[in-house]
Protein backbone atom coordinates (compact mmCIF):
# COMPACT_ATOMS: atom_id res chain seq x y z
CA MET A 1 82.39 36.73 -103.06
CA ASN A 2 83.68 33.30 -103.10
CA THR A 3 80.62 31.52 -101.21
CA LYS A 4 81.67 28.48 -101.81
CA HIS A 5 84.67 28.70 -99.21
CA VAL A 6 82.82 30.76 -97.20
CA PHE A 7 79.85 28.44 -96.15
CA ARG A 8 81.39 25.00 -96.51
CA THR A 9 84.14 26.02 -93.97
CA SER A 10 81.30 27.27 -91.52
CA ILE A 11 79.70 23.91 -91.65
CA PHE A 12 82.95 22.34 -91.02
CA MET A 13 83.36 24.48 -87.60
CA LEU A 14 79.40 23.93 -86.98
CA THR A 15 79.12 20.37 -87.49
CA PHE A 16 82.25 19.82 -85.21
CA PHE A 17 80.32 21.40 -82.63
CA ILE A 18 77.38 19.71 -82.91
CA LEU A 19 79.31 15.81 -83.16
CA SER A 20 80.83 17.47 -79.80
CA PHE A 21 77.61 17.51 -78.20
CA VAL A 22 76.28 13.92 -79.86
CA SER A 23 79.38 12.27 -78.01
CA CYS A 24 78.38 13.09 -74.84
CA SER A 25 75.03 11.52 -75.07
CA ASP A 26 75.81 7.81 -75.05
CA GLY A 27 73.32 5.38 -76.43
CA ASN A 28 71.00 8.01 -77.38
CA SER A 29 70.87 6.68 -81.31
CA ILE A 30 68.01 8.41 -82.23
CA GLU A 31 69.08 11.87 -81.29
CA GLU A 32 72.73 11.06 -83.38
CA GLU A 33 70.58 10.27 -86.40
CA GLU A 34 68.74 13.70 -86.35
CA GLN A 35 72.16 15.21 -85.61
CA ALA A 36 73.16 13.43 -88.78
CA GLU A 37 70.49 14.54 -91.03
CA ASP A 38 70.76 18.29 -89.73
CA ILE A 39 74.58 17.94 -90.56
CA THR A 40 73.84 16.52 -93.88
CA GLU A 41 71.10 19.62 -94.29
CA LEU A 42 73.64 22.20 -93.33
CA MET A 43 75.77 20.73 -96.20
CA ARG A 44 73.16 20.79 -98.69
CA ALA A 45 71.94 24.71 -98.07
CA SER A 46 75.36 25.74 -98.58
CA GLU A 47 75.31 24.06 -102.02
CA ILE A 48 72.00 25.99 -102.86
CA ASP A 49 73.65 29.52 -101.46
CA VAL A 50 76.31 28.98 -104.17
CA VAL A 51 73.73 27.92 -107.12
CA GLY A 52 71.81 30.71 -105.89
CA GLU A 53 74.69 33.62 -106.54
CA ILE A 54 76.60 31.70 -109.48
CA VAL A 55 72.64 32.32 -111.21
CA SER A 56 72.25 35.47 -109.93
CA ASP A 57 75.90 36.78 -110.75
CA ILE A 58 75.29 35.37 -114.54
CA ILE A 59 71.77 37.07 -114.91
CA ILE A 60 73.46 40.71 -114.00
CA ASP A 61 76.20 40.85 -115.63
CA SER A 62 74.95 39.46 -118.42
CA TYR A 63 71.76 41.78 -118.72
CA GLU A 64 74.55 44.81 -117.74
CA ILE A 65 76.71 43.68 -121.25
CA GLN A 66 73.70 43.42 -123.40
CA GLU A 67 72.35 46.87 -122.35
CA ASN A 68 76.21 48.47 -122.93
CA ASP A 69 77.43 46.95 -125.73
CA GLU A 70 75.70 48.63 -128.88
CA LEU A 71 77.19 46.21 -131.08
CA ASN A 72 75.36 42.83 -128.88
CA ARG A 73 78.57 40.95 -128.60
CA MET A 74 77.92 39.64 -125.43
CA VAL A 75 80.79 37.28 -124.64
CA SER A 76 83.41 38.74 -126.15
CA SER A 77 83.11 42.11 -123.92
CA SER A 78 82.38 40.01 -120.84
CA SER A 79 84.87 39.14 -118.45
CA PHE A 80 82.51 37.01 -116.72
CA LEU A 81 81.03 34.23 -119.10
CA PRO A 82 83.63 31.48 -120.64
CA SER A 83 83.60 31.44 -124.41
CA CYS A 84 82.10 28.31 -124.39
CA VAL A 85 78.89 29.61 -123.90
CA VAL A 86 76.62 30.01 -126.80
CA VAL A 87 74.39 33.50 -126.33
CA THR A 88 71.61 33.79 -128.50
CA ILE A 89 69.75 37.68 -128.63
CA VAL A 90 66.19 38.11 -130.13
CA ALA A 91 65.79 41.47 -130.37
CA GLU A 92 62.49 43.10 -131.18
CA GLN A 93 60.90 46.86 -130.30
CA GLY A 94 61.19 47.80 -126.90
CA PHE A 95 61.81 43.67 -126.15
CA ARG A 96 65.20 41.47 -125.51
CA GLU A 97 65.20 37.61 -124.82
CA VAL A 98 68.54 36.22 -124.20
CA THR A 99 69.26 32.35 -124.34
CA LEU A 100 72.41 31.27 -122.35
CA ASP A 101 72.82 28.19 -123.67
CA PHE A 102 75.72 26.01 -121.43
CA GLY A 103 75.91 22.88 -123.49
CA THR A 104 74.95 19.40 -123.15
CA GLU A 105 79.02 19.11 -122.41
CA GLY A 106 78.98 22.28 -120.04
CA CYS A 107 81.15 24.85 -119.24
CA ILE A 108 82.88 26.18 -116.46
CA VAL A 109 81.93 28.78 -114.40
CA ASN A 110 84.25 29.79 -111.05
CA GLU A 111 84.97 26.34 -110.89
CA HIS A 112 82.01 24.64 -111.34
CA LEU A 113 80.21 22.52 -114.11
CA LEU A 114 77.32 24.17 -115.82
CA ARG A 115 75.24 22.46 -118.19
CA GLY A 116 71.81 23.48 -120.26
CA GLN A 117 70.53 26.97 -120.57
CA ILE A 118 69.46 30.49 -118.33
CA VAL A 119 66.77 32.11 -120.87
CA PHE A 120 66.03 35.62 -119.32
CA SER A 121 63.72 38.19 -120.87
CA TYR A 122 63.01 41.84 -120.22
CA THR A 123 60.91 44.96 -121.69
CA ARG A 124 63.73 47.66 -122.98
CA ASN A 125 63.08 51.67 -121.87
CA THR A 126 66.16 53.41 -121.12
CA GLU A 127 63.53 56.20 -119.81
CA VAL A 128 62.10 54.03 -116.48
CA GLN A 129 63.98 53.81 -113.25
CA GLU A 130 63.26 49.96 -113.19
CA ILE A 131 63.05 47.20 -115.00
CA LEU A 132 61.85 43.50 -114.41
CA ILE A 133 64.17 40.86 -116.06
CA SER A 134 62.22 37.62 -115.82
CA TYR A 135 64.06 34.21 -115.98
CA SER A 136 63.95 30.32 -116.32
CA LEU A 137 66.47 27.80 -115.81
CA ILE A 138 65.68 24.83 -118.58
CA ASP A 139 67.46 21.52 -118.41
CA PHE A 140 69.90 23.50 -116.15
CA TYR A 141 72.24 21.38 -114.15
CA PHE A 142 74.74 22.78 -111.80
CA ASP A 143 77.45 20.09 -111.43
CA THR A 144 75.46 16.96 -110.94
CA ASN A 145 72.66 18.63 -109.78
CA ASN A 146 69.14 19.53 -111.52
CA ILE A 147 68.07 23.14 -110.49
CA ILE A 148 64.61 24.12 -111.05
CA GLY A 149 63.74 27.75 -111.39
CA SER A 150 61.88 30.91 -112.67
CA LYS A 151 60.95 34.30 -111.42
CA THR A 152 62.18 37.14 -111.35
CA ILE A 153 64.96 40.09 -110.66
CA LEU A 154 64.04 43.67 -110.53
CA ARG A 155 66.86 46.43 -111.44
CA GLN A 156 66.53 50.02 -109.94
CA LEU A 157 68.42 52.19 -111.79
CA SER A 158 68.97 54.34 -108.50
CA ASN A 159 67.64 53.36 -105.01
CA GLY A 160 66.87 55.59 -101.86
CA ASN A 161 70.64 55.84 -101.65
CA GLY A 162 71.08 57.11 -105.14
CA ASN A 163 72.63 53.31 -105.96
CA PRO A 164 71.68 51.09 -108.68
CA GLN A 165 70.23 47.87 -106.74
CA PHE A 166 68.57 44.39 -107.48
CA THR A 167 66.07 42.81 -106.06
CA HIS A 168 66.29 38.94 -106.73
CA ASN A 169 63.07 37.09 -106.12
CA LEU A 170 64.14 33.46 -105.24
CA ASP A 171 62.38 30.35 -105.88
CA LEU A 172 64.88 27.69 -106.59
CA THR A 173 64.41 23.90 -106.59
CA ILE A 174 67.60 21.36 -106.73
CA VAL A 175 67.37 18.15 -106.89
CA TRP A 176 70.72 16.21 -105.99
CA PRO A 177 71.93 12.60 -107.63
CA ASN A 178 70.40 10.41 -104.95
CA GLY A 179 66.56 11.95 -105.56
CA LEU A 180 67.05 14.37 -102.15
CA GLN A 181 65.60 17.95 -102.73
CA ALA A 182 65.03 21.08 -101.79
CA ASN A 183 63.48 24.47 -102.44
CA ARG A 184 64.93 28.14 -101.59
CA GLU A 185 62.48 31.25 -101.36
CA GLY A 186 63.06 34.40 -100.40
CA VAL A 187 64.19 37.66 -101.44
CA LYS A 188 67.91 38.82 -101.85
CA VAL A 189 68.99 42.81 -102.29
CA ARG A 190 72.00 43.45 -104.10
CA GLU A 191 73.11 47.27 -103.39
CA TRP A 192 76.04 48.26 -106.12
CA VAL A 193 77.42 50.76 -104.27
CA GLU A 194 80.77 51.47 -105.43
CA GLY A 195 82.00 51.60 -109.14
CA PHE A 196 78.98 51.52 -111.05
CA GLY A 197 80.09 52.80 -114.81
CA SER A 198 83.52 52.77 -114.16
CA GLY A 199 83.93 50.61 -116.77
CA ILE A 200 86.43 48.37 -114.11
CA PHE A 201 85.46 45.09 -112.83
CA SER A 202 87.81 44.93 -110.02
CA ASP A 203 86.37 48.01 -108.55
CA ASN A 204 82.93 46.80 -107.97
CA VAL A 205 81.15 46.59 -104.54
CA PHE A 206 78.20 45.53 -103.67
CA GLU A 207 76.34 45.25 -100.06
CA ILE A 208 73.78 42.74 -99.82
CA THR A 209 70.12 42.10 -97.35
CA GLY A 210 67.65 40.12 -97.55
CA ASN A 211 65.76 37.02 -96.03
CA TRP A 212 65.26 33.50 -97.29
CA THR A 213 64.11 30.01 -96.34
CA THR A 214 64.70 26.43 -97.43
CA THR A 215 62.65 23.77 -97.19
CA PHE A 216 63.31 20.00 -97.35
CA VAL A 217 61.08 17.02 -98.40
CA ASN A 218 61.49 16.04 -94.81
CA GLY A 219 60.03 19.55 -93.96
CA ASN A 220 62.55 20.44 -91.91
CA GLN A 221 63.14 24.33 -92.67
CA HIS A 222 66.39 26.33 -92.37
CA THR A 223 65.49 30.79 -92.24
CA TYR A 224 68.08 33.24 -92.85
CA GLU A 225 68.11 37.02 -92.40
CA VAL A 226 70.78 39.55 -93.34
CA LEU A 227 71.00 42.03 -90.00
CA SER A 228 73.39 43.94 -91.12
CA PRO A 229 74.35 44.57 -94.94
CA LEU A 230 76.95 41.49 -96.19
CA ARG A 231 79.35 44.26 -97.64
CA ARG A 232 80.91 42.10 -100.83
CA GLN A 233 83.89 43.47 -102.64
CA VAL A 234 84.46 41.23 -106.57
CA ILE A 235 88.71 41.11 -105.65
CA CYS A 236 88.22 39.49 -102.20
CA ASN A 237 87.50 36.13 -101.32
CA TYR A 238 85.48 36.75 -98.57
CA PHE A 239 82.71 38.88 -97.20
CA LEU A 240 84.31 42.28 -95.64
CA SER A 241 82.02 42.50 -93.19
CA GLY A 242 77.94 41.68 -92.34
CA THR A 243 75.85 39.60 -89.96
CA VAL A 244 73.35 36.99 -90.53
CA ASP A 245 70.69 35.22 -88.65
CA VAL A 246 70.74 31.75 -88.67
CA GLN A 247 67.87 29.55 -87.16
CA ARG A 248 68.13 25.44 -88.36
CA THR A 249 66.03 22.80 -86.96
CA ASN A 250 67.65 22.20 -83.82
CA PHE A 251 70.09 25.23 -83.25
CA GLY A 252 70.68 28.67 -84.28
CA GLY A 253 73.08 31.62 -84.04
CA THR A 254 74.45 34.55 -85.63
CA PHE A 255 77.33 34.59 -88.03
CA ASP A 256 79.52 37.94 -88.37
CA TYR A 257 82.07 38.39 -91.24
CA GLY A 258 84.15 40.82 -89.73
CA SER A 259 84.67 44.61 -89.36
CA GLY A 260 85.29 45.79 -93.15
CA VAL A 261 89.16 43.90 -93.58
CA CYS A 262 89.20 41.71 -96.37
CA ASP A 263 90.77 38.61 -93.96
CA ASN A 264 89.31 34.84 -93.64
CA GLN A 265 88.42 35.78 -89.87
CA ALA A 266 84.72 35.21 -88.96
CA THR A 267 82.73 34.33 -85.73
CA PHE A 268 79.80 32.47 -85.33
CA THR A 269 77.58 33.10 -81.88
CA PHE A 270 75.11 30.08 -81.12
CA ASN A 271 71.51 31.31 -79.44
CA ASN A 272 73.01 30.54 -76.18
CA GLY A 273 75.69 32.94 -76.34
CA TYR A 274 78.51 30.34 -76.95
CA GLN A 275 80.72 31.61 -79.67
CA ILE A 276 83.41 30.26 -81.85
CA ASP A 277 86.36 31.56 -84.22
CA ILE A 278 85.74 30.48 -87.77
CA ILE A 279 88.88 30.44 -90.40
CA LEU A 280 87.51 30.58 -93.46
CA ASN A 281 89.24 28.72 -96.26
């Protein structure tokens, strides 16, 4: 999923909608300032969405390669991480610690410049059904933003549907260059519904559920809850389907990503029932 494209275009449409209300309120400078703040926070929240997805992708991808590559040739066998990432593996009896070092100059991953380190560890046991992966971000920067985080991803070999599943406990803080910061907490569950074990990256399909909250330093909160699973096919830039309830400071509504076709069509229905069409770039 190209999260960057999905959320930025949606925010543009929502911004247009909000400003249409502001323009009808002549002389109300306080309301205009509040609306401008909401729009800024919408944009900032979308950046956290992108950060969370890519950090999760990197850890999951690296874990799977580490476990499946008997020679530990992590980077050479990965189709996700670029060769500029320095991978260090500490292997002890039943324990693995993996350091992904993007360097001080950084490496480009999914069109973003990443700097610093992601370190994750886990106790290795091929017989258990669940593995807890603990990770930390060390002096980590996503483009120009400092990302602080230390949390876990629970890998289940088989969930109730018989599929592999990753449960990510989110706790990320992002600090922008201008000093603004926000914290994202919650749970995001990825069920691997197609392509597991095939060895072919392009046939992987995931369904994503969960809920999370973004809190800004001024106390404003944005809450998200997946109403129906977000279906993600890795060869498509967009969610194929799924709905998300979005409640923000002064308004809320539901994103609907369609009925299963890989296209750039979506809708947003506000709490008052007003619906707009969204074209995703």
